[in-house]
């Protein structure tokens, strides 16, 4: 019986010691923070900017009404039909333009007839001047002949061989011939002045013809605007009107001026909106992967072809530079990604997402993004760990500013405690970020939970429980 009691007492003592040891362990572990960890290792990293938007053709034109307010009399195409440049798409009411063209053509014909008559008068004046010049030459010949006769007669008169009457007659003939020459010369001058007048009439008539023809071209242009033709080769992607509806002259963004939309579907783009914090990483020519919601389980390759320079307000879609009110709301920038091999089934307006590869690094140290945190110099100062000890401490403004300086880093496991280390980072992947300095391969860092990373202090004792990963 004594042996039995001794064994029982021995077991009881062992249990008491074990229980006391466990209790002491639990007492020591109370308040110890539980964390999850991960090891730093090397891998390939790719920085990706993700944005959403819609599919749009690179080239598309909204065809509107460029004439006066008019009624649609015919539509020659259907939505989804392929058209060629210059092909007739629709006709607008053209009664008044056609009448104006007919009237102006008559005016052009009249002005051309007046011009022809003026040119004929000018030609007749040229002929009359030639006749007058010939008359002057003939009169000069007659004058020369009469002077020769006069000289002969004077010699006879000096020799008293002819009568006074005959001598006087020859003198009169000379004066008459001289007057005839003067008259013929004045006639030439008169006809030349008349020719100048006819030439001015011709010039005026030709200007009237030019004016009438210009007016005709203007009216013909108005008439031609009633014939809506395709400006490019493409497909009719939008046809919102019907025969009989009235369209107004082109007013920007007005539904009443749009007749149809023609798109060149040979070049398809994804127009996406990139957040202002990521737009600085996007460059022309960067590769991208595009997914279209209407085509699940398919990914299309592309590359960046355009990057907008104007910030767009996310709430209104208006350019921030056009807003009259200063706003701190989020802004986006338009980025256009050209699809390298677009499918034939793609349609404008389909929602899409783009993943733009902005950088790639091979075999670099990588760190889980959630491990990164920020501490101030004051948080890392061991002398300031006791808040009560520093409550009444007096600091200069420069010292306060210095203590508030923020440092990016991670908590690294060293035994059972964590040590805060400053790190420099590079590109950011989907879940990891490149480490450029501050850590070594194989280091174990605290990755969670989020609350622990936010509150844990440098040189704090922790316990690791990676089975609880995923908890916050």
Protein backbone atom coordinates (compact mmCIF):
# COMPACT_ATOMS: atom_id res chain seq x y z
CA UNK A 1 0.00 0.00 0.00
CA UNK A 2 2.82 2.38 0.79
CA UNK A 3 4.40 1.69 -2.65
CA UNK A 4 1.13 2.51 -4.37
CA UNK A 5 0.86 5.80 -2.54
CA UNK A 6 4.44 6.65 -3.36
CA UNK A 7 3.83 6.05 -7.08
CA UNK A 8 0.66 8.15 -6.98
CA UNK A 9 2.43 10.96 -5.19
CA UNK A 10 5.31 10.81 -7.70
CA UNK A 11 2.97 11.07 -10.69
CA UNK A 12 1.07 13.89 -9.04
CA UNK A 13 4.35 15.72 -8.49
CA UNK A 14 5.39 15.31 -12.12
CA UNK A 15 2.04 16.59 -13.31
CA UNK A 16 2.31 19.55 -10.97
CA UNK A 17 5.78 20.40 -12.26
CA UNK A 18 4.65 20.06 -15.90
CA UNK A 19 1.58 22.14 -15.29
CA UNK A 20 3.63 24.79 -13.56
CA UNK A 21 6.12 24.86 -16.41
CA UNK A 22 3.37 25.17 -19.01
CA UNK A 23 1.68 27.87 -16.96
CA UNK A 24 4.95 29.76 -16.70
CA UNK A 25 5.44 29.43 -20.50
CA UNK A 26 1.93 30.69 -21.17
CA UNK A 27 2.50 33.54 -18.75
CA UNK A 28 5.70 34.50 -20.54
CA UNK A 29 3.94 34.24 -23.94
CA UNK A 30 1.05 36.46 -23.04
CA UNK A 31 1.16 39.68 -25.07
CA UNK A 32 3.64 38.17 -27.59
CA UNK A 33 2.57 39.16 -31.13
CA UNK A 34 1.83 36.36 -33.59
CA UNK A 35 3.10 37.01 -37.11
CA UNK A 36 3.49 35.33 -40.47
CA UNK A 37 6.76 35.39 -42.35
CA UNK A 38 8.25 34.82 -45.79
CA UNK A 39 11.76 34.27 -47.09
CA UNK A 40 13.46 36.65 -49.51
CA UNK A 41 14.46 34.94 -52.76
CA UNK A 42 15.36 35.75 -56.33
CA UNK A 43 12.94 35.61 -59.24
CA UNK A 44 11.97 37.35 -62.47
CA UNK A 45 9.73 40.40 -61.92
CA UNK A 46 7.44 42.18 -64.34
CA UNK A 47 5.86 45.56 -63.61
CA UNK A 48 2.35 45.78 -65.02
CA UNK A 49 -0.09 48.70 -65.26
CA UNK A 50 -3.70 47.59 -65.45
CA UNK A 51 -6.39 49.81 -66.94
CA UNK A 52 -9.87 49.42 -68.36
CA UNK A 53 -11.65 51.04 -71.26
CA UNK A 54 -13.30 50.12 -74.53
CA UNK A 55 -12.49 48.90 -78.02
CA UNK A 56 -12.30 51.57 -80.69
CA UNK A 57 -11.11 51.60 -84.30
CA UNK A 58 -8.00 53.69 -84.79
CA UNK A 59 -9.71 55.63 -87.58
CA UNK A 60 -13.40 56.42 -87.49
CA UNK A 61 -15.41 59.37 -88.77
CA UNK A 62 -18.80 60.64 -87.69
CA UNK A 63 -20.52 61.62 -90.94
CA UNK A 64 -22.87 64.53 -90.39
CA UNK A 65 -24.92 67.08 -92.30
CA UNK A 66 -22.77 69.81 -93.88
CA UNK A 67 -25.63 71.45 -95.77
CA UNK A 68 -28.59 73.44 -94.50
CA UNK A 69 -31.31 71.92 -92.37
CA UNK A 70 -32.66 69.19 -94.62
CA UNK A 71 -34.77 66.06 -94.66
CA UNK A 72 -33.22 62.69 -95.48
CA UNK A 73 -34.75 61.45 -98.75
CA UNK A 74 -32.82 58.17 -99.11
CA UNK A 75 -30.29 55.97 -97.29
CA UNK A 76 -28.14 53.84 -99.58
CA UNK A 77 -26.37 51.61 -96.98
CA UNK A 78 -27.13 49.49 -93.93
CA UNK A 79 -25.41 49.25 -90.57
CA UNK A 80 -22.57 46.75 -90.72
CA UNK A 81 -22.12 47.16 -94.49
CA UNK A 82 -18.63 47.73 -95.90
CA UNK A 83 -18.28 50.92 -97.97
CA UNK A 84 -15.59 52.45 -100.17
CA UNK A 85 -14.21 55.98 -100.16
CA UNK A 86 -16.47 58.25 -102.25
CA UNK A 87 -19.42 55.84 -102.17
CA UNK A 88 -22.88 57.43 -101.86
CA UNK A 89 -24.31 56.85 -98.39
CA UNK A 90 -27.46 58.98 -98.28
CA UNK A 91 -29.31 61.80 -100.01
CA UNK A 92 -30.77 64.94 -98.46
CA UNK A 93 -33.57 67.12 -99.79
CA UNK A 94 -32.10 69.26 -102.61
CA UNK A 95 -34.94 71.19 -104.34
CA UNK A 96 -33.61 74.67 -103.53
CA UNK A 97 -29.92 73.90 -104.25
CA UNK A 98 -30.84 72.39 -107.62
CA UNK A 99 -32.88 75.48 -108.55
CA UNK A 100 -30.03 77.76 -107.47
CA UNK A 101 -27.59 75.79 -109.61
CA UNK A 102 -29.86 76.04 -112.68
CA UNK A 103 -30.27 79.81 -112.21
CA UNK A 104 -26.58 80.36 -111.75
CA UNK A 105 -25.71 78.30 -114.82
CA UNK A 106 -27.95 80.64 -116.84
CA UNK A 107 -26.16 83.63 -115.29
CA UNK A 108 -22.80 82.12 -116.27
CA UNK A 109 -24.03 81.61 -119.85
CA UNK A 110 -25.19 85.25 -120.04
CA UNK A 111 -21.90 86.60 -118.72
CA UNK A 112 -19.97 84.39 -121.14
CA UNK A 113 -22.10 85.71 -124.03
CA UNK A 114 -21.41 89.31 -122.94
CA UNK A 115 -17.72 88.49 -122.78
CA UNK A 116 -17.81 87.02 -126.29
CA UNK A 117 -19.55 90.15 -127.63
CA UNK A 118 -16.96 92.39 -126.00
CA UNK A 119 -14.14 90.33 -127.49
CA UNK A 120 -15.78 90.62 -130.95
CA UNK A 121 -15.99 94.41 -130.57
CA UNK A 122 -12.34 94.50 -129.56
CA UNK A 123 -11.38 92.48 -132.64
CA UNK A 124 -13.42 94.85 -134.88
CA UNK A 125 -11.63 97.79 -133.31
CA UNK A 126 -8.29 96.21 -134.19
CA UNK A 127 -9.43 95.82 -137.80
CA UNK A 128 -10.68 99.43 -137.93
CA UNK A 129 -7.33 100.68 -136.65
CA UNK A 130 -5.54 98.74 -139.36
CA UNK A 131 -7.83 100.33 -142.00
CA UNK A 132 -7.25 103.79 -140.51
CA UNK A 133 -3.50 103.31 -140.51
CA UNK A 134 -3.69 102.26 -144.20
CA UNK A 135 -5.72 105.40 -144.89
CA UNK A 136 -3.02 107.52 -143.23
CA UNK A 137 -0.39 105.95 -145.46
CA UNK A 138 -2.53 106.56 -148.58
CA UNK A 139 -3.16 110.17 -147.56
CA UNK A 140 0.54 110.72 -147.09
CA UNK A 141 1.15 109.30 -150.59
CA UNK A 142 -1.48 111.63 -152.05
CA UNK A 143 0.15 114.54 -150.21
CA UNK A 144 3.54 113.69 -151.65
CA UNK A 145 2.05 113.45 -155.15
CA UNK A 146 0.26 116.83 -154.85
CA UNK A 147 3.43 118.51 -153.59
CA UNK A 148 5.38 117.21 -156.61
CA UNK A 149 2.67 118.57 -158.93
CA UNK A 150 2.72 121.86 -157.04
CA UNK A 151 6.47 122.18 -157.44
CA UNK A 152 6.21 121.62 -161.20
CA UNK A 153 3.37 124.07 -161.50
CA UNK A 154 5.29 126.70 -159.52
CA UNK A 155 8.22 126.45 -161.98
CA UNK A 156 5.82 126.97 -164.88
CA UNK A 157 4.20 129.86 -163.00
CA UNK A 158 7.58 131.46 -162.39
CA UNK A 159 8.23 131.24 -166.17
CA UNK A 160 4.89 132.85 -166.93
CA UNK A 161 3.90 129.71 -168.75
CA UNK A 162 0.57 128.93 -166.97
CA UNK A 163 -2.37 130.92 -165.78
CA UNK A 164 -2.84 132.07 -162.15
CA UNK A 165 -5.90 129.91 -161.78
CA UNK A 166 -4.03 126.69 -162.52
CA UNK A 167 -1.26 127.57 -160.03
CA UNK A 168 -3.79 128.37 -157.30
CA UNK A 169 -5.56 125.06 -157.94
CA UNK A 170 -2.34 123.09 -157.29
CA UNK A 171 -1.73 125.00 -154.05
CA UNK A 172 -5.26 124.18 -152.90
CA UNK A 173 -4.70 120.49 -153.68
CA UNK A 174 -1.57 120.44 -151.46
CA UNK A 175 -3.46 121.97 -148.50
CA UNK A 176 -6.31 119.49 -149.02
CA UNK A 177 -3.85 116.56 -149.03
CA UNK A 178 -2.24 117.84 -145.82
CA UNK A 179 -5.64 118.10 -144.15
CA UNK A 180 -6.48 114.56 -145.30
CA UNK A 181 -3.32 113.24 -143.64
CA UNK A 182 -4.16 115.06 -140.38
CA UNK A 183 -7.72 113.71 -140.47
CA UNK A 184 -6.52 110.13 -141.05
CA UNK A 185 -4.05 110.36 -138.16
CA UNK A 186 -6.75 111.70 -135.82
CA UNK A 187 -8.98 108.84 -136.93
CA UNK A 188 -6.29 106.34 -135.89
CA UNK A 189 -5.99 108.02 -132.47
CA UNK A 190 -9.78 107.92 -132.06
CA UNK A 191 -9.96 104.24 -132.96
CA UNK A 192 -7.10 103.41 -130.56
CA UNK A 193 -8.97 105.11 -127.72
CA UNK A 194 -12.08 103.21 -128.73
CA UNK A 195 -10.04 99.94 -128.67
CA UNK A 196 -8.86 100.68 -125.13
CA UNK A 197 -12.48 101.10 -124.10
CA UNK A 198 -13.40 97.78 -125.73
CA UNK A 199 -10.44 96.08 -124.00
CA UNK A 200 -11.69 97.40 -120.64
CA UNK A 201 -15.14 96.06 -121.49
CA UNK A 202 -13.63 92.66 -122.30
CA UNK A 203 -11.73 92.60 -118.98
CA UNK A 204 -14.87 93.53 -117.06
CA UNK A 205 -16.89 90.88 -118.90
CA UNK A 206 -14.24 88.23 -118.15
CA UNK A 207 -14.29 89.18 -114.46
CA UNK A 208 -18.07 88.86 -114.49
CA UNK A 209 -17.65 85.40 -116.02
CA UNK A 210 -15.13 84.43 -113.30
CA UNK A 211 -17.45 85.78 -110.61
CA UNK A 212 -20.41 83.89 -112.04
CA UNK A 213 -18.41 80.67 -112.30
CA UNK A 214 -17.22 81.04 -108.70
CA UNK A 215 -20.79 81.59 -107.58
CA UNK A 216 -21.80 78.50 -109.55
CA UNK A 217 -19.09 76.41 -107.84
CA UNK A 218 -20.32 77.62 -104.45
CA UNK A 219 -23.92 76.69 -105.24
CA UNK A 220 -22.84 73.37 -106.74
CA UNK A 221 -20.93 72.66 -103.52
CA UNK A 222 -24.12 73.31 -101.55
CA UNK A 223 -25.91 70.87 -103.86
CA UNK A 224 -23.15 68.26 -103.55
CA UNK A 225 -23.42 68.45 -99.76
CA UNK A 226 -26.90 67.00 -100.07
CA UNK A 227 -25.20 63.82 -101.34
CA UNK A 228 -23.56 62.18 -98.32
CA UNK A 229 -20.50 60.17 -99.40
CA UNK A 230 -18.03 58.05 -97.47
CA UNK A 231 -14.75 59.84 -96.65
CA UNK A 232 -12.83 56.57 -96.08
CA UNK A 233 -12.93 52.84 -96.73
CA UNK A 234 -14.59 51.12 -93.79
CA UNK A 235 -17.70 49.69 -92.20
CA UNK A 236 -20.90 51.47 -91.16
CA UNK A 237 -20.77 50.97 -87.38
CA UNK A 238 -23.58 53.33 -86.41
CA UNK A 239 -26.69 54.38 -88.36
CA UNK A 240 -29.04 56.22 -85.99
CA UNK A 241 -31.29 57.97 -88.57
CA UNK A 242 -34.16 56.97 -90.86
CA UNK A 243 -35.58 58.24 -94.14
CA UNK A 244 -37.76 61.28 -93.54
CA UNK A 245 -35.90 62.53 -90.47
CA UNK A 246 -34.51 66.05 -90.48
CA UNK A 247 -30.82 66.68 -89.78
CA UNK A 248 -29.24 70.00 -88.96
CA UNK A 249 -25.84 71.37 -90.06
CA UNK A 250 -22.86 69.90 -88.24
CA UNK A 251 -22.90 70.83 -84.56
CA UNK A 252 -20.22 69.16 -82.47
CA UNK A 253 -21.54 66.34 -80.27
CA UNK A 254 -25.10 66.96 -81.48
CA UNK A 255 -27.14 63.84 -82.17
CA UNK A 256 -29.31 65.77 -84.64
CA UNK A 257 -26.34 66.36 -86.97
CA UNK A 258 -24.99 62.78 -87.00
CA UNK A 259 -26.06 60.64 -89.95
CA UNK A 260 -23.78 57.64 -89.49
CA UNK A 261 -20.32 56.54 -88.35
CA UNK A 262 -17.76 54.96 -90.69
CA UNK A 263 -14.91 53.01 -89.05
CA UNK A 264 -11.75 51.53 -90.52
CA UNK A 265 -11.83 48.12 -88.77
CA UNK A 266 -8.44 47.07 -90.14
CA UNK A 267 -6.74 48.84 -87.21
CA UNK A 268 -8.34 48.18 -83.83
CA UNK A 269 -7.27 49.83 -80.59
CA UNK A 270 -8.10 49.56 -76.91
CA UNK A 271 -8.62 53.02 -75.46
CA UNK A 272 -8.04 52.72 -71.72
CA UNK A 273 -7.81 55.14 -68.80
CA UNK A 274 -4.63 54.87 -66.71
CA UNK A 275 -4.50 56.23 -63.15
CA UNK A 276 -2.40 59.36 -62.69
CA UNK A 277 -0.11 57.54 -60.23
CA UNK A 278 0.92 55.02 -62.91
CA UNK A 279 0.94 57.06 -66.12
CA UNK A 280 4.59 58.09 -65.62
CA UNK A 281 5.62 54.44 -66.10
CA UNK A 282 3.82 54.04 -69.43
CA UNK A 283 5.91 54.59 -72.57
CA UNK A 284 5.27 54.35 -76.30
CA UNK A 285 5.88 50.91 -77.77
CA UNK A 286 5.43 48.98 -74.51
CA UNK A 287 3.78 45.58 -74.92
CA UNK A 288 0.33 44.91 -73.53
CA UNK A 289 -2.20 42.11 -73.15
CA UNK A 290 -5.83 42.95 -73.85
CA UNK A 291 -8.84 41.00 -72.65
CA UNK A 292 -12.33 41.68 -73.97
CA UNK A 293 -15.27 40.94 -71.69
CA UNK A 294 -17.39 39.70 -74.58
CA UNK A 295 -14.64 37.21 -75.51
CA UNK A 296 -13.76 35.34 -72.30
CA UNK A 297 -10.69 33.10 -72.03
CA UNK A 298 -8.96 34.98 -74.86
CA UNK A 299 -6.00 37.34 -74.64
CA UNK A 300 -4.80 39.59 -77.45
CA UNK A 301 -1.35 41.10 -77.86
CA UNK A 302 -0.81 44.79 -78.48
CA UNK A 303 1.48 47.74 -77.96
CA UNK A 304 1.09 51.33 -76.75
CA UNK A 305 0.72 53.81 -79.62
CA UNK A 306 -0.62 56.95 -77.91
CA UNK A 307 -0.32 58.49 -74.45
CA UNK A 308 -2.55 61.42 -73.52
CA UNK A 309 -1.00 64.54 -72.03
CA UNK A 310 -4.22 65.93 -70.57
CA UNK A 311 -5.60 64.72 -67.25
CA UNK A 312 -9.26 63.66 -67.34
CA UNK A 313 -11.51 63.97 -64.29
CA UNK A 314 -12.76 60.52 -63.37
CA UNK A 315 -16.22 61.73 -62.25
CA UNK A 316 -17.12 63.81 -65.30
CA UNK A 317 -14.81 62.61 -68.08
CA UNK A 318 -13.93 66.25 -68.71
CA UNK A 319 -10.37 67.44 -69.24
CA UNK A 320 -9.04 68.84 -65.99
CA UNK A 321 -7.65 71.87 -67.86
CA UNK A 322 -11.19 72.75 -69.01
CA UNK A 323 -12.65 72.61 -65.53
CA UNK A 324 -13.26 76.03 -63.98
CA UNK A 325 -13.19 74.64 -60.45
CA UNK A 326 -10.02 73.34 -58.80
CA UNK A 327 -10.47 69.69 -57.87
CA UNK A 328 -8.44 67.18 -55.89
CA UNK A 329 -10.39 64.19 -57.18
CA UNK A 330 -8.75 61.28 -58.93
CA UNK A 331 -7.66 61.80 -62.52
CA UNK A 332 -6.88 59.49 -65.41
CA UNK A 333 -4.90 59.73 -68.63
CA UNK A 334 -5.99 58.23 -71.94
CA UNK A 335 -3.71 55.54 -73.34
CA UNK A 336 -4.27 53.89 -76.73
CA UNK A 337 -3.11 50.30 -77.25
CA UNK A 338 -3.11 48.94 -80.81
CA UNK A 339 -4.08 45.28 -81.16
CA UNK A 340 -1.48 43.42 -83.20
CA UNK A 341 -3.88 40.80 -84.57
CA UNK A 342 -7.51 41.81 -83.87
CA UNK A 343 -10.21 39.19 -84.41
CA UNK A 344 -12.82 39.69 -87.11
CA UNK A 345 -15.61 39.42 -84.53
CA UNK A 346 -14.51 42.44 -82.51
CA UNK A 347 -16.92 45.38 -82.40
CA UNK A 348 -16.40 49.03 -81.41
CA UNK A 349 -17.58 49.86 -77.90
CA UNK A 350 -16.81 46.47 -76.32
CA UNK A 351 -15.48 46.76 -72.76
CA UNK A 352 -11.89 45.66 -72.33
CA UNK A 353 -8.95 45.63 -69.94
CA UNK A 354 -5.29 46.11 -70.74
CA UNK A 355 -2.22 44.95 -68.84
CA UNK A 356 0.71 47.08 -69.97
CA UNK A 357 4.19 45.72 -69.23
CA UNK A 358 6.19 48.77 -68.11
CA UNK A 359 9.41 47.03 -66.93
CA UNK A 360 11.03 43.60 -66.59
CA UNK A 361 13.84 42.45 -64.27
CA UNK A 362 15.61 39.09 -64.40
CA UNK A 363 16.74 37.15 -61.29
CA UNK A 364 16.31 39.97 -58.74
CA UNK A 365 15.61 39.88 -55.00
CA UNK A 366 11.88 40.14 -54.47
CA UNK A 367 9.87 41.08 -51.43
CA UNK A 368 6.13 40.55 -50.78
CA UNK A 369 4.39 43.89 -51.12
CA UNK A 370 2.52 43.51 -47.83
CA UNK A 371 5.81 43.31 -45.91
CA UNK A 372 6.70 46.92 -46.74
CA UNK A 373 5.83 49.49 -44.10
CA UNK A 374 6.89 52.94 -43.01
CA UNK A 375 8.32 54.09 -39.67
CA UNK A 376 9.56 57.46 -38.48
CA UNK A 377 12.97 58.02 -36.95
CA UNK A 378 11.21 58.65 -33.67
CA UNK A 379 9.58 55.20 -33.78
CA UNK A 380 12.98 53.57 -34.32
CA UNK A 381 14.80 55.45 -31.53
CA UNK A 382 15.22 52.96 -28.62
CA UNK A 383 15.47 55.86 -26.17
CA UNK A 384 11.94 56.87 -27.10
CA UNK A 385 10.38 53.46 -26.67
CA UNK A 386 9.00 54.52 -23.31
CA UNK A 387 6.34 57.11 -24.06
CA UNK A 388 6.18 58.14 -20.38
CA UNK A 389 9.90 58.86 -20.29
CA UNK A 390 9.62 61.23 -23.25
CA UNK A 391 6.28 62.82 -22.40
CA UNK A 392 7.86 65.91 -20.84
CA UNK A 393 10.85 66.04 -23.21
CA UNK A 394 11.40 69.42 -24.83
CA UNK A 395 12.47 69.36 -28.51
CA UNK A 396 13.38 72.07 -30.98
CA UNK A 397 11.33 72.34 -34.21
CA UNK A 398 14.27 70.93 -36.16
CA UNK A 399 14.47 67.91 -33.83
CA UNK A 400 10.73 67.31 -34.11
CA UNK A 401 10.96 67.48 -37.90
CA UNK A 402 13.88 65.06 -37.89
CA UNK A 403 12.01 62.58 -35.68
CA UNK A 404 9.02 62.70 -38.04
CA UNK A 405 11.14 61.76 -41.08
CA UNK A 406 9.70 58.56 -42.61
CA UNK A 407 11.77 55.52 -43.59
CA UNK A 408 10.55 52.69 -45.82
CA UNK A 409 11.53 49.24 -44.64
CA UNK A 410 10.57 45.78 -43.38
CA UNK A 411 10.76 43.82 -40.15
CA UNK A 412 13.36 41.05 -40.39
CA UNK A 413 13.34 38.03 -38.08
CA UNK A 414 16.45 37.64 -35.92
CA UNK A 415 15.77 34.73 -33.62
CA UNK A 416 12.56 35.47 -31.73
CA UNK A 417 12.69 39.22 -32.23
CA UNK A 418 12.07 41.46 -35.25
CA UNK A 419 14.48 44.15 -36.40
CA UNK A 420 13.39 47.03 -38.64
CA UNK A 421 15.62 47.45 -41.71
CA UNK A 422 15.53 50.21 -44.29
CA UNK A 423 15.17 48.93 -47.86
CA UNK A 424 15.44 50.49 -51.31
CA UNK A 425 13.02 49.16 -53.90
CA UNK A 426 12.77 49.01 -57.67
CA UNK A 427 9.92 47.93 -59.93
CA UNK A 428 6.64 46.64 -58.53
CA UNK A 429 5.16 43.37 -59.73
CA UNK A 430 1.70 41.97 -59.09
CA UNK A 431 2.40 40.74 -55.54
CA UNK A 432 6.16 41.36 -55.15
CA UNK A 433 8.48 44.33 -55.34
CA UNK A 434 12.14 44.44 -56.33
CA UNK A 435 14.69 44.96 -53.53
CA UNK A 436 17.72 46.97 -54.62
CA UNK A 437 19.41 47.30 -51.23
CA UNK A 438 18.90 46.59 -47.54
CA UNK A 439 18.18 42.83 -47.62
CA UNK A 440 19.96 39.63 -48.54
CA UNK A 441 18.74 36.46 -50.15
CA UNK A 442 17.37 34.11 -47.48
CA UNK A 443 16.34 36.85 -45.03
CA UNK A 444 13.00 36.15 -43.34
CA UNK A 445 10.62 39.12 -43.16
CA UNK A 446 7.29 39.68 -41.47
CA UNK A 447 4.47 39.64 -44.00
CA UNK A 448 1.39 39.74 -41.77
CA UNK A 449 -1.08 40.14 -40.37
CA UNK A 450 -1.68 43.70 -41.51
CA UNK A 451 -2.46 44.93 -37.99
CA UNK A 452 0.77 43.45 -36.64
CA UNK A 453 2.90 45.14 -39.33
CA UNK A 454 1.21 48.46 -38.54
CA UNK A 455 1.77 48.27 -34.80
CA UNK A 456 4.87 46.15 -34.10
CA UNK A 457 7.95 47.98 -32.82
CA UNK A 458 11.63 47.45 -33.53
CA UNK A 459 13.36 44.82 -31.33
CA UNK A 460 9.98 43.29 -30.35
CA UNK A 461 9.68 39.61 -29.49
CA UNK A 462 7.20 37.75 -31.68
CA UNK A 463 6.11 34.22 -32.42
CA UNK A 464 5.70 32.83 -35.92
CA UNK A 465 2.57 31.00 -37.02
CA UNK A 466 2.56 30.62 -40.81
CA UNK A 467 -0.43 28.30 -40.60
CA UNK A 468 -2.52 31.39 -39.98
CA UNK A 469 -1.51 33.08 -43.25
CA UNK A 470 -4.36 34.89 -44.89
CA UNK A 471 -5.74 36.25 -41.64
CA UNK A 472 -5.76 39.94 -40.92
